[in-house]
Structures are given as C-alpha cells and as structure tokens.
N, C-alpha and C. Protein backbone atom coordinates (compact mmCIF):
# COMPACT_ATOMS: atom_id res chain seq x y z
N MET A 1 22.49 -12.48 64.40
CA MET A 1 22.93 -13.88 63.99
C MET A 1 23.58 -14.38 64.95
N THR A 2 22.98 -15.34 64.92
CA THR A 2 23.89 -16.53 66.06
C THR A 2 24.18 -17.69 65.73
N PHE A 3 24.43 -18.27 64.82
CA PHE A 3 24.76 -19.62 64.27
C PHE A 3 25.84 -19.71 64.53
N LYS A 4 26.73 -20.56 65.26
CA LYS A 4 27.88 -20.68 65.75
C LYS A 4 28.78 -21.97 64.63
N GLY A 5 28.18 -22.56 63.51
CA GLY A 5 28.54 -23.61 62.87
C GLY A 5 28.01 -24.72 62.69
N PHE A 6 28.47 -25.87 62.62
CA PHE A 6 28.05 -27.11 62.51
C PHE A 6 29.20 -27.90 64.17
N THR A 7 28.62 -29.32 64.15
CA THR A 7 29.71 -29.77 65.66
C THR A 7 29.67 -31.35 65.28
N GLU A 8 30.36 -31.66 65.89
CA GLU A 8 30.67 -33.17 65.26
C GLU A 8 29.19 -34.01 65.86
N GLU A 9 28.40 -33.73 66.84
CA GLU A 9 27.10 -34.46 67.33
C GLU A 9 26.23 -34.11 65.98
N ASP A 10 26.05 -33.26 65.16
CA ASP A 10 25.30 -33.02 64.11
C ASP A 10 25.71 -33.77 63.30
N PHE A 11 26.82 -34.30 62.46
CA PHE A 11 27.07 -34.90 61.57
C PHE A 11 27.12 -36.94 62.45
N ASN A 12 26.94 -37.05 63.64
CA ASN A 12 26.70 -37.91 63.91
C ASN A 12 24.83 -38.69 64.01
N THR A 13 24.50 -37.37 64.21
CA THR A 13 23.12 -37.91 64.02
C THR A 13 22.97 -38.68 63.02
N PHE A 14 23.02 -38.63 61.92
CA PHE A 14 23.02 -39.85 61.08
C PHE A 14 23.54 -41.44 61.08
N THR A 15 23.92 -41.46 62.15
CA THR A 15 24.55 -42.82 62.70
C THR A 15 23.17 -43.51 63.78
N ILE A 16 22.25 -42.57 64.03
CA ILE A 16 21.59 -43.03 65.42
C ILE A 16 20.56 -44.15 64.64
N ASP A 17 20.47 -45.06 65.16
CA ASP A 17 19.38 -46.47 64.54
C ASP A 17 18.07 -46.08 65.11
N GLY A 18 17.12 -46.14 64.02
CA GLY A 18 15.83 -46.12 64.42
C GLY A 18 14.77 -45.20 63.21
N LEU A 19 14.13 -44.70 63.02
CA LEU A 19 13.30 -43.39 62.66
C LEU A 19 13.18 -42.93 63.39
N ASP A 20 12.55 -43.06 64.12
CA ASP A 20 11.73 -41.77 65.21
C ASP A 20 12.94 -41.30 65.96
N GLU A 21 14.09 -42.14 66.62
CA GLU A 21 15.09 -42.03 66.98
C GLU A 21 16.12 -40.47 66.50
N ARG A 22 16.13 -41.39 65.07
CA ARG A 22 17.31 -40.44 64.07
C ARG A 22 15.89 -38.97 63.98
N MET A 23 14.79 -39.08 63.42
CA MET A 23 14.20 -37.87 63.51
C MET A 23 13.78 -36.60 64.48
N GLU A 24 13.72 -37.53 65.92
CA GLU A 24 14.15 -36.45 66.98
C GLU A 24 15.41 -35.72 66.81
N ALA A 25 16.46 -36.44 66.82
CA ALA A 25 17.55 -35.85 66.61
C ALA A 25 17.84 -34.57 65.92
N ILE A 26 17.43 -35.03 64.31
CA ILE A 26 17.03 -33.67 63.04
C ILE A 26 16.34 -32.57 63.55
N GLN A 27 15.16 -32.96 64.30
CA GLN A 27 14.32 -31.81 64.81
C GLN A 27 15.11 -31.53 65.76
N THR A 28 16.43 -31.86 66.89
CA THR A 28 16.55 -31.14 67.46
C THR A 28 17.93 -30.68 67.64
N ARG A 29 18.78 -31.35 66.83
CA ARG A 29 19.88 -30.63 66.95
C ARG A 29 20.23 -29.87 65.64
N ILE A 30 19.77 -30.42 64.11
CA ILE A 30 19.92 -29.65 62.99
C ILE A 30 18.69 -28.60 62.42
N GLN A 31 17.83 -28.93 62.57
CA GLN A 31 16.57 -28.06 62.36
C GLN A 31 16.59 -26.67 62.92
N PRO A 32 17.17 -26.45 64.48
CA PRO A 32 16.89 -24.91 64.73
C PRO A 32 18.06 -24.18 63.74
N LYS A 33 19.41 -24.87 63.82
CA LYS A 33 20.39 -24.17 63.04
C LYS A 33 19.84 -23.78 61.60
N PHE A 34 18.95 -24.53 60.87
CA PHE A 34 18.23 -24.76 59.49
C PHE A 34 17.45 -23.44 59.32
N GLU A 35 16.98 -23.16 60.77
CA GLU A 35 15.89 -21.87 60.62
C GLU A 35 16.67 -20.68 60.59
N GLU A 36 17.68 -20.44 61.65
CA GLU A 36 18.60 -19.67 61.03
C GLU A 36 19.21 -18.89 59.78
N ILE A 37 20.16 -20.67 59.51
CA ILE A 37 20.68 -19.97 58.14
C ILE A 37 19.48 -19.91 57.22
N GLY A 38 18.85 -20.46 57.28
CA GLY A 38 17.19 -20.54 56.13
C GLY A 38 16.79 -18.78 56.03
N ASN A 39 16.63 -18.36 57.29
CA ASN A 39 15.99 -17.06 57.47
C ASN A 39 17.00 -15.97 56.96
N HIS A 40 18.09 -16.19 57.41
CA HIS A 40 19.32 -15.38 56.81
C HIS A 40 19.51 -15.17 55.26
N PHE A 41 19.23 -16.33 54.53
CA PHE A 41 19.66 -16.54 53.56
C PHE A 41 18.33 -16.34 52.21
N ALA A 42 17.25 -16.41 52.95
CA ALA A 42 16.09 -16.53 52.73
C ALA A 42 16.05 -14.32 52.23
N ASN A 43 16.50 -13.83 53.41
CA ASN A 43 16.34 -12.69 53.30
C ASN A 43 17.49 -12.05 52.43
N PHE A 44 18.71 -12.69 52.57
CA PHE A 44 20.04 -12.45 51.63
C PHE A 44 19.12 -12.81 50.12
N LEU A 45 18.93 -13.87 49.40
CA LEU A 45 18.69 -13.91 48.64
C LEU A 45 17.44 -13.35 48.04
N SER A 46 16.37 -13.15 48.84
CA SER A 46 14.93 -12.16 48.27
C SER A 46 15.85 -10.47 47.97
N ALA A 47 16.91 -10.17 48.34
CA ALA A 47 17.21 -8.62 48.24
C ALA A 47 18.23 -8.91 46.85
N LYS A 48 18.70 -10.08 46.80
CA LYS A 48 19.58 -10.45 46.02
C LYS A 48 19.01 -10.42 44.24
N LEU A 49 18.01 -11.02 44.31
CA LEU A 49 16.70 -11.48 43.16
C LEU A 49 16.16 -10.61 43.13
N GLU A 50 15.51 -9.22 43.85
CA GLU A 50 14.36 -8.59 43.69
C GLU A 50 13.21 -9.16 44.02
N ASN A 51 12.58 -10.17 44.44
CA ASN A 51 12.15 -11.16 44.84
C ASN A 51 11.93 -11.83 45.82
N GLU A 52 10.81 -12.47 46.26
CA GLU A 52 10.76 -13.19 48.03
C GLU A 52 10.93 -14.64 47.51
N MET A 53 11.62 -14.97 48.91
CA MET A 53 12.49 -16.45 48.54
C MET A 53 11.98 -16.94 49.96
N PHE A 54 11.35 -17.74 50.10
CA PHE A 54 10.42 -18.78 51.00
C PHE A 54 11.64 -19.74 51.31
N LEU A 55 11.78 -19.96 53.16
CA LEU A 55 12.24 -20.95 53.70
C LEU A 55 11.78 -22.24 53.82
N HIS A 56 12.18 -23.66 53.24
CA HIS A 56 11.23 -25.04 53.51
C HIS A 56 12.60 -25.57 54.09
N ILE A 57 12.10 -26.45 55.20
CA ILE A 57 13.12 -27.43 56.08
C ILE A 57 12.29 -28.69 55.75
N ALA A 58 13.28 -29.36 55.35
CA ALA A 58 12.64 -30.98 54.74
C ALA A 58 11.91 -31.83 55.78
N LYS A 59 10.95 -32.21 56.15
CA LYS A 59 10.07 -32.81 56.93
C LYS A 59 10.22 -34.51 57.09
N HIS A 60 11.01 -35.00 55.99
CA HIS A 60 11.04 -36.20 55.67
C HIS A 60 9.68 -36.84 55.88
N ALA A 61 8.53 -36.44 55.83
CA ALA A 61 6.93 -36.99 56.24
C ALA A 61 6.59 -38.42 55.11
N ARG A 62 7.11 -38.91 54.15
CA ARG A 62 6.93 -39.73 53.64
C ARG A 62 7.72 -41.40 54.28
N ARG A 63 8.61 -40.90 54.80
CA ARG A 63 9.22 -41.88 55.41
C ARG A 63 8.60 -42.75 56.43
N THR A 64 8.55 -43.93 56.67
CA THR A 64 7.96 -45.29 57.50
C THR A 64 8.63 -45.71 58.34
N VAL A 65 10.03 -46.23 57.44
CA VAL A 65 10.72 -47.38 57.76
C VAL A 65 12.45 -46.82 58.00
N ASN A 66 12.95 -46.48 56.78
CA ASN A 66 14.29 -46.29 57.39
C ASN A 66 14.55 -44.54 57.45
N PRO A 67 15.45 -44.50 58.35
CA PRO A 67 15.69 -42.84 58.67
C PRO A 67 16.42 -42.38 57.55
N PRO A 68 16.15 -41.10 57.55
CA PRO A 68 17.01 -40.48 56.14
C PRO A 68 18.65 -40.16 56.56
N GLU A 69 19.19 -40.39 55.20
CA GLU A 69 20.16 -40.42 55.49
C GLU A 69 21.23 -39.11 55.19
N ASP A 70 20.28 -38.14 54.92
CA ASP A 70 20.83 -36.57 54.70
C ASP A 70 19.14 -35.45 55.44
N THR A 71 19.74 -34.48 55.16
CA THR A 71 18.57 -33.42 55.29
C THR A 71 18.48 -32.19 54.64
N TRP A 72 18.44 -31.37 54.94
CA TRP A 72 18.50 -30.09 54.09
C TRP A 72 17.37 -29.10 54.06
N LEU A 73 18.21 -28.00 53.87
CA LEU A 73 16.68 -26.50 53.89
C LEU A 73 16.49 -26.44 52.55
N ALA A 74 15.59 -25.90 52.19
CA ALA A 74 15.42 -25.28 50.72
C ALA A 74 15.06 -24.02 50.78
N LEU A 75 15.40 -23.26 49.76
CA LEU A 75 14.82 -21.98 49.68
C LEU A 75 14.70 -21.90 47.99
N ALA A 76 12.69 -21.61 47.90
CA ALA A 76 12.36 -21.41 46.57
C ALA A 76 11.55 -19.78 46.21
N ASP A 77 11.24 -19.54 45.20
CA ASP A 77 10.23 -18.61 45.13
C ASP A 77 8.97 -18.80 45.32
N ASN A 78 8.91 -20.16 45.57
CA ASN A 78 6.92 -20.32 46.05
C ASN A 78 6.84 -20.98 47.74
N LYS A 79 6.06 -20.44 48.07
CA LYS A 79 5.77 -20.24 49.58
C LYS A 79 5.21 -21.55 49.50
N ARG A 80 4.36 -22.19 49.02
CA ARG A 80 3.86 -23.47 49.43
C ARG A 80 5.07 -24.84 49.15
N GLY A 81 5.83 -24.69 48.22
CA GLY A 81 6.94 -25.79 47.94
C GLY A 81 7.95 -25.67 47.13
N TYR A 82 8.81 -26.40 47.10
CA TYR A 82 10.28 -26.48 46.56
C TYR A 82 10.57 -27.25 44.87
N LYS A 83 10.15 -28.46 45.32
CA LYS A 83 10.88 -29.61 44.30
C LYS A 83 10.47 -29.33 43.35
N LYS A 84 9.36 -28.60 42.71
CA LYS A 84 8.81 -28.13 41.42
C LYS A 84 9.46 -26.63 40.65
N HIS A 85 10.21 -26.48 41.90
CA HIS A 85 10.76 -24.69 41.15
C HIS A 85 12.15 -24.72 41.41
N PRO A 86 13.15 -24.48 40.82
CA PRO A 86 14.56 -24.44 41.05
C PRO A 86 14.84 -23.45 42.16
N HIS A 87 15.57 -24.38 42.72
CA HIS A 87 16.02 -23.97 44.32
C HIS A 87 17.14 -23.84 44.89
N PHE A 88 17.29 -23.56 46.01
CA PHE A 88 18.56 -23.13 46.94
C PHE A 88 18.66 -24.15 48.01
N GLN A 89 19.59 -24.97 48.09
CA GLN A 89 19.65 -26.07 49.20
C GLN A 89 21.00 -26.18 50.02
N VAL A 90 20.92 -26.12 51.25
CA VAL A 90 22.13 -26.28 52.29
C VAL A 90 21.80 -27.41 53.03
N GLY A 91 22.69 -28.48 53.81
CA GLY A 91 21.97 -29.44 53.89
C GLY A 91 23.42 -30.45 54.49
N LEU A 92 23.12 -31.75 54.95
CA LEU A 92 23.89 -32.64 55.23
C LEU A 92 23.64 -34.15 55.05
N PHE A 93 25.37 -34.56 55.24
CA PHE A 93 25.23 -36.14 55.08
C PHE A 93 25.82 -36.12 56.15
N ASP A 94 26.31 -37.48 56.41
CA ASP A 94 27.34 -37.48 57.92
C ASP A 94 28.69 -37.23 57.41
N ASP A 95 29.20 -36.80 56.44
CA ASP A 95 30.44 -36.69 55.74
C ASP A 95 30.59 -35.42 55.12
N HIS A 96 29.70 -34.43 54.82
CA HIS A 96 29.75 -33.39 54.62
C HIS A 96 28.77 -32.69 54.43
N VAL A 97 29.00 -31.21 54.27
CA VAL A 97 27.75 -30.52 54.14
C VAL A 97 27.68 -30.07 52.51
N PHE A 98 26.55 -30.01 51.75
CA PHE A 98 26.59 -29.58 50.52
C PHE A 98 25.83 -27.93 50.49
N ILE A 99 25.98 -27.47 49.53
CA ILE A 99 25.31 -26.05 49.06
C ILE A 99 25.30 -26.24 47.85
N TRP A 100 23.70 -26.21 47.15
CA TRP A 100 23.34 -26.72 45.86
C TRP A 100 22.44 -24.88 45.54
N LEU A 101 22.75 -25.53 44.00
CA LEU A 101 21.39 -24.87 43.23
C LEU A 101 20.83 -26.07 42.82
N ALA A 102 19.62 -26.51 42.96
CA ALA A 102 19.06 -27.71 43.09
C ALA A 102 17.72 -28.09 41.88
N LEU A 103 18.33 -28.92 40.97
CA LEU A 103 16.95 -28.73 40.08
C LEU A 103 16.60 -30.33 39.77
N ILE A 104 15.70 -30.59 40.22
CA ILE A 104 15.34 -32.31 40.88
C ILE A 104 14.08 -32.84 39.93
N TYR A 105 14.39 -33.73 39.91
CA TYR A 105 13.32 -34.80 38.93
C TYR A 105 11.84 -33.91 39.07
N GLU A 106 11.19 -33.58 39.88
CA GLU A 106 9.90 -32.91 40.23
C GLU A 106 9.69 -31.51 39.45
N LEU A 107 10.47 -31.18 38.50
CA LEU A 107 11.04 -29.85 38.59
C LEU A 107 9.78 -29.58 37.28
N ASP A 108 8.95 -28.56 37.16
CA ASP A 108 8.45 -27.91 36.12
C ASP A 108 9.09 -27.38 34.99
N PHE A 109 8.83 -27.56 33.96
CA PHE A 109 9.74 -26.80 32.33
C PHE A 109 11.15 -27.39 32.91
N LYS A 110 11.24 -28.79 32.74
CA LYS A 110 12.13 -29.23 33.05
C LYS A 110 13.12 -29.40 31.74
N LYS A 111 12.66 -29.69 30.53
CA LYS A 111 13.37 -29.96 29.35
C LYS A 111 13.71 -28.37 28.83
N GLU A 112 12.35 -27.54 29.33
CA GLU A 112 13.12 -26.17 28.65
C GLU A 112 14.49 -25.34 29.49
N ILE A 113 14.54 -25.89 31.11
CA ILE A 113 15.35 -25.28 31.87
C ILE A 113 17.13 -26.14 31.30
N ALA A 114 16.77 -27.12 31.27
CA ALA A 114 17.88 -28.32 30.67
C ALA A 114 18.10 -27.66 29.41
N GLU A 115 17.53 -27.59 28.37
CA GLU A 115 18.30 -27.04 27.27
C GLU A 115 18.68 -25.70 27.37
N THR A 116 18.43 -24.81 28.32
CA THR A 116 19.10 -23.52 28.25
C THR A 116 20.84 -23.68 28.72
N TYR A 117 20.72 -25.03 29.77
CA TYR A 117 21.66 -25.14 30.34
C TYR A 117 23.01 -26.20 29.24
N VAL A 118 22.46 -26.79 28.45
CA VAL A 118 22.69 -27.32 26.88
C VAL A 118 23.62 -26.22 26.31
N GLU A 119 22.37 -25.06 25.84
CA GLU A 119 23.24 -24.24 25.06
C GLU A 119 24.11 -23.22 26.07
N ASN A 120 23.79 -23.46 27.38
CA ASN A 120 24.94 -22.67 27.85
C ASN A 120 26.30 -23.14 28.79
N PHE A 121 26.31 -24.30 27.96
CA PHE A 121 27.34 -25.35 28.85
C PHE A 121 28.50 -24.78 29.19
N GLN A 122 29.67 -24.17 28.27
CA GLN A 122 30.59 -23.49 28.25
C GLN A 122 30.42 -22.26 29.57
N GLU A 123 29.34 -22.15 29.80
CA GLU A 123 29.29 -20.91 31.00
C GLU A 123 29.17 -21.39 31.84
N LEU A 124 28.81 -22.76 32.17
CA LEU A 124 28.32 -23.78 33.09
C LEU A 124 29.90 -23.79 33.61
N LYS A 125 30.65 -24.16 32.61
CA LYS A 125 32.20 -24.95 32.80
C LYS A 125 33.46 -23.43 33.30
N SER A 126 32.46 -22.45 33.27
CA SER A 126 33.31 -21.41 33.54
C SER A 126 33.81 -21.22 35.30
N ILE A 127 32.22 -21.89 35.95
CA ILE A 127 32.26 -21.76 37.52
C ILE A 127 33.73 -22.36 37.90
N PRO A 128 34.09 -22.11 39.21
CA PRO A 128 35.56 -22.63 39.34
C PRO A 128 35.14 -24.42 39.27
N GLY A 129 36.27 -25.02 39.12
CA GLY A 129 36.52 -26.47 38.47
C GLY A 129 36.31 -26.94 39.88
N ASP A 130 36.40 -26.74 41.39
CA ASP A 130 36.34 -27.60 42.39
C ASP A 130 34.46 -27.54 42.68
N TYR A 131 34.07 -26.61 42.20
CA TYR A 131 32.51 -26.92 42.36
C TYR A 131 32.21 -28.35 42.39
N MET A 132 30.96 -29.10 42.43
CA MET A 132 30.52 -30.55 42.10
C MET A 132 29.43 -29.77 41.67
N VAL A 133 28.68 -31.57 41.29
CA VAL A 133 27.94 -31.92 40.55
C VAL A 133 27.10 -32.94 41.17
N SER A 134 25.87 -33.31 41.39
CA SER A 134 25.45 -34.41 41.66
C SER A 134 24.28 -34.48 40.60
N LEU A 135 24.33 -35.84 40.13
CA LEU A 135 23.13 -35.85 39.28
C LEU A 135 21.87 -36.78 39.48
N ASP A 136 22.12 -36.87 40.50
CA ASP A 136 21.11 -37.68 41.76
C ASP A 136 20.87 -36.72 43.01
N HIS A 137 20.32 -36.27 43.89
CA HIS A 137 20.10 -35.73 45.08
C HIS A 137 19.84 -36.90 46.18
N THR A 138 19.49 -37.89 45.69
CA THR A 138 19.32 -39.22 47.08
C THR A 138 20.80 -39.52 46.96
N LYS A 139 21.63 -39.65 46.31
CA LYS A 139 23.18 -40.27 46.45
C LYS A 139 24.02 -39.37 46.84
N ARG A 140 25.09 -39.43 48.03
CA ARG A 140 26.02 -38.64 48.35
C ARG A 140 26.90 -38.49 47.17
N ASP A 141 27.49 -39.29 46.44
CA ASP A 141 28.10 -38.92 45.40
C ASP A 141 28.15 -37.39 44.25
N ALA A 142 29.02 -37.31 44.49
CA ALA A 142 28.88 -36.16 43.21
C ALA A 142 30.33 -36.08 42.23
N ILE A 143 30.33 -35.48 41.16
CA ILE A 143 31.83 -34.83 40.51
C ILE A 143 32.18 -33.68 40.21
N GLN A 144 33.24 -33.49 40.13
CA GLN A 144 33.99 -32.08 40.38
C GLN A 144 33.09 -31.95 39.20
N LEU A 145 33.24 -30.24 39.03
CA LEU A 145 32.69 -29.42 37.82
C LEU A 145 33.14 -29.75 36.81
N ASP A 146 34.80 -29.68 36.88
CA ASP A 146 36.03 -29.79 35.85
C ASP A 146 35.97 -31.47 34.89
N LYS A 147 35.01 -32.34 35.73
CA LYS A 147 35.28 -33.58 34.81
C LYS A 147 33.48 -33.66 34.58
N LEU A 148 32.73 -32.33 34.65
CA LEU A 148 31.28 -32.36 34.01
C LEU A 148 31.27 -32.12 32.25
N GLN A 149 30.61 -33.19 31.79
CA GLN A 149 30.33 -33.45 30.05
C GLN A 149 29.36 -33.00 29.67
N LEU A 150 29.16 -32.23 28.22
CA LEU A 150 28.10 -31.86 27.97
C LEU A 150 26.29 -33.52 27.89
N LYS A 151 27.28 -34.14 27.70
CA LYS A 151 26.45 -35.58 27.80
C LYS A 151 25.77 -35.74 28.90
N ASP A 152 26.27 -35.10 30.02
CA ASP A 152 25.52 -34.98 31.30
C ASP A 152 24.14 -34.37 31.70
N VAL A 153 24.47 -33.08 31.06
CA VAL A 153 23.34 -31.92 30.71
C VAL A 153 22.61 -32.58 29.96
N GLU A 154 22.91 -32.99 28.63
CA GLU A 154 22.31 -33.38 27.92
C GLU A 154 21.14 -34.63 28.86
N ARG A 155 21.44 -35.43 29.61
CA ARG A 155 20.89 -36.37 30.04
C ARG A 155 19.45 -35.62 30.79
N PHE A 156 20.10 -34.68 31.41
CA PHE A 156 19.05 -33.88 32.53
C PHE A 156 17.98 -33.78 31.54
N ARG A 157 18.63 -33.12 30.64
CA ARG A 157 17.07 -32.78 29.29
C ARG A 157 16.65 -34.13 29.33
N ASP A 158 16.48 -35.23 28.93
CA ASP A 158 15.96 -36.26 27.87
C ASP A 158 15.66 -37.38 28.95
N VAL A 159 16.25 -37.10 30.10
CA VAL A 159 15.89 -38.76 31.17
C VAL A 159 14.63 -37.85 32.21
N LYS A 160 13.65 -38.30 32.38
CA LYS A 160 12.61 -38.33 32.94
C LYS A 160 13.15 -38.14 34.89
N LYS A 161 13.93 -38.76 35.05
CA LYS A 161 14.27 -38.87 36.20
C LYS A 161 15.68 -38.38 36.47
N ALA A 162 16.07 -37.70 36.05
CA ALA A 162 17.45 -37.12 36.01
C ALA A 162 17.33 -36.22 36.45
N GLU A 163 18.52 -35.39 37.28
CA GLU A 163 18.59 -34.06 38.04
C GLU A 163 19.35 -33.69 37.58
N PHE A 164 19.68 -32.38 38.39
CA PHE A 164 21.14 -31.60 38.13
C PHE A 164 21.48 -30.58 39.63
N LEU A 165 21.73 -30.78 40.52
CA LEU A 165 22.92 -30.00 41.17
C LEU A 165 24.10 -29.69 41.17
N ILE A 166 24.10 -28.21 41.37
CA ILE A 166 25.68 -27.95 41.28
C ILE A 166 25.85 -26.69 42.46
N GLY A 167 27.16 -27.07 43.10
CA GLY A 167 27.29 -26.03 44.15
C GLY A 167 28.66 -26.95 44.47
N GLN A 168 29.10 -27.06 46.20
CA GLN A 168 29.98 -27.37 46.64
C GLN A 168 29.24 -28.25 48.06
N HIS A 169 30.48 -29.08 48.47
CA HIS A 169 30.47 -30.16 49.16
C HIS A 169 32.03 -29.70 50.11
N LEU A 170 31.44 -29.82 51.49
CA LEU A 170 32.34 -29.08 52.52
C LEU A 170 32.62 -30.37 53.38
N PRO A 171 33.71 -31.01 53.26
CA PRO A 171 33.74 -32.63 53.99
C PRO A 171 33.74 -32.28 55.62
N ILE A 172 33.55 -32.94 56.48
CA ILE A 172 33.58 -33.12 57.40
C ILE A 172 35.10 -33.05 57.79
N GLY A 173 35.16 -32.12 59.15
CA GLY A 173 37.09 -31.35 59.27
C GLY A 173 36.86 -30.60 58.66
N ASP A 174 36.45 -30.15 57.59
CA ASP A 174 36.46 -28.25 56.65
C ASP A 174 36.34 -27.58 58.04
N PRO A 175 36.93 -26.44 58.39
CA PRO A 175 37.13 -25.66 59.11
C PRO A 175 35.91 -24.64 59.30
N ARG A 176 35.66 -24.06 58.14
CA ARG A 176 34.12 -23.50 58.13
C ARG A 176 33.16 -23.94 58.31
N LEU A 177 33.27 -25.15 58.72
CA LEU A 177 31.80 -25.81 59.16
C LEU A 177 31.66 -25.36 60.96
N SER A 178 33.01 -25.13 61.53
CA SER A 178 32.54 -25.55 62.63
C SER A 178 32.71 -23.65 63.23
N ASP A 179 32.59 -22.78 62.51
CA ASP A 179 32.75 -21.38 62.23
C ASP A 179 31.51 -20.61 61.48
N GLY A 180 30.68 -19.75 62.23
CA GLY A 180 29.84 -19.43 62.05
C GLY A 180 29.81 -18.73 60.68
N LYS A 181 30.69 -17.74 61.20
CA LYS A 181 30.27 -16.77 60.25
C LYS A 181 31.38 -16.52 58.71
N LYS A 182 32.48 -17.75 58.83
CA LYS A 182 33.09 -18.47 57.66
C LYS A 182 31.92 -19.10 56.90
N PHE A 183 31.39 -20.07 57.42
CA PHE A 183 30.30 -20.85 56.65
C PHE A 183 29.24 -20.07 56.12
N LEU A 184 28.49 -19.00 56.55
CA LEU A 184 27.64 -18.09 55.88
C LEU A 184 28.45 -17.19 55.05
N GLU A 185 29.75 -16.67 55.07
CA GLU A 185 30.35 -16.31 54.17
C GLU A 185 30.91 -16.94 52.75
N THR A 186 30.82 -18.35 52.91
CA THR A 186 31.44 -19.79 52.13
C THR A 186 29.85 -19.78 51.38
N VAL A 187 28.89 -20.22 52.03
CA VAL A 187 27.16 -20.42 51.32
C VAL A 187 27.06 -18.77 50.30
N GLU A 188 27.27 -17.34 51.10
CA GLU A 188 27.13 -16.66 50.24
C GLU A 188 27.78 -16.55 48.95
N GLU A 189 29.18 -16.90 48.82
CA GLU A 189 29.71 -16.51 47.72
C GLU A 189 29.55 -17.56 47.10
N THR A 190 29.07 -18.99 47.10
CA THR A 190 28.37 -20.13 46.25
C THR A 190 27.10 -19.34 45.99
N PHE A 191 26.19 -19.23 46.87
CA PHE A 191 24.98 -18.35 46.11
C PHE A 191 24.94 -17.62 45.38
N GLU A 192 26.06 -16.37 45.57
CA GLU A 192 26.41 -15.34 44.38
C GLU A 192 26.90 -16.03 42.95
N THR A 193 27.81 -16.80 43.36
CA THR A 193 28.68 -17.75 41.76
C THR A 193 27.27 -18.53 41.03
N LEU A 194 26.11 -18.94 42.06
CA LEU A 194 25.10 -19.68 41.17
C LEU A 194 23.77 -19.15 40.86
N ILE A 195 23.56 -17.58 41.19
CA ILE A 195 22.51 -16.88 40.92
C ILE A 195 22.43 -16.54 39.45
N PRO A 196 23.25 -16.64 38.77
CA PRO A 196 23.10 -16.74 37.18
C PRO A 196 22.32 -17.76 36.51
N PHE A 197 22.46 -18.48 36.82
CA PHE A 197 22.27 -20.06 36.31
C PHE A 197 20.64 -20.16 37.17
N TYR A 198 20.53 -19.69 38.25
CA TYR A 198 19.28 -19.80 38.69
C TYR A 198 18.23 -18.68 38.16
N LYS A 199 18.84 -17.67 37.61
CA LYS A 199 18.44 -16.79 36.84
C LYS A 199 17.78 -17.25 35.53
N GLN A 200 19.02 -17.98 34.71
CA GLN A 200 18.70 -18.64 33.52
C GLN A 200 17.41 -20.11 33.61
N ALA A 201 17.26 -20.54 35.00
CA ALA A 201 15.95 -21.63 34.64
C ALA A 201 14.89 -20.99 35.00
N LEU A 202 15.02 -19.71 35.52
CA LEU A 202 13.50 -18.83 35.74
C LEU A 202 13.07 -18.41 34.63
N GLN A 203 14.19 -17.85 33.71
CA GLN A 203 13.96 -17.37 32.34
C GLN A 203 13.15 -18.36 31.53
N ALA A 204 13.77 -19.84 31.64
CA ALA A 204 13.44 -20.86 30.60
C ALA A 204 11.85 -21.26 31.24
N ARG A 205 11.72 -21.12 32.42
CA ARG A 205 10.27 -21.52 32.16
C ARG A 205 8.84 -20.67 32.48
N ASN A 206 9.65 -19.43 32.13
CA ASN A 206 9.16 -18.58 31.64
C ASN A 206 8.00 -18.33 30.23
C-alpha cells in the first residue's frame, strides 16, 4: 500500500473553474488515490463482512455545466452500482474529508432500514458523540451525533428524498490527512464502528 495521504493540491481541485478543467484534476489528482484506498478497503470490508464488496468511484457523468463541489469513492455489496444499497464512502470537499456509512434517497427498502434505525436509536446514540451525521449528501453541512434527535431519523423514514449518512469529518489541516498510514487507520476504525449499523441495514432489506 503506497497511499501517502492527501495534499493541499487535492483540496485546491475544487477551486478550479470549469467543468472539464475540474474533472481533469479530479481524474489525475484524486481518483488514483481513490483506487488505492478503495481497493484496500474493498478487501478489508470483504474480510470483515465475509461478503464481497466492490469499489465504485464517482464519475459525475450527469454533470454538463456545474463542476462538482466534492468527489468520493463508494464500497457496496453490488458490483453494478451503490446508490440503491447501503454503502461506505470516503470523499473530499474543499475543506474536509468525509468517511460515511451512507444511505441516500435512491436506497431500496429505505423505509424498512430507517425503521430499524428508529427502533435502535439509543444504539445509534452510543456511537462516539464527535461522529457526524449528514441528512443530505449534496451539502457539506453536518451535525454532531450528540445533537442528533429521533425526529431526524423519523424524517429519514418518512420523507422520500431524506437521507442519512453517519461517520467522520476530518477538516483540512488535520495531521491524519497527510499521513497515509494514520489516515487508513482512522478509516478502518470508523468503518469498524459503523459495521454493526451496516449489518442492521442489510437485515432490514432482506
């Protein structure tokens, strides 16, 4: 594993004007790192879950004008796609890296999965309080887990476009971002914490 960490140049990718220009930088600066990280964690999660996990790297193919404000890799148990499935993500905005268990609005069996999280809300709240929750994957904003309320999870269940992503934010300047070994250890620890909730989601969809 040769991943050396993220650099200031990686984050500066999101200040580049123009869709084609920014996409070229994403493809040359960030996606090779995603390949390394993603292959590592596809193997890690496949072993932990005893089920093959597949790497998907965001292509941003639907964009025709506005350049992406973030980019990510996803790991799911489906080879063809990830958006309809519970999945893990690692990605970047211009000011932080996110590490998520992601359940987004295209999710199959969304109501059933959300109901499981409603029923296990106290277990969710037992995750370290400095973990973050996003209710919309397109926005950089997130709330600390210790501020999460039951109504937020009920909204995820009841509102068609509502989403639920839980994990960590590492802000630009965090020393773990520039140290490849420490970064991988942090992602491993985060995924380990989130695996029980990934398993709950899988059970709910069966």
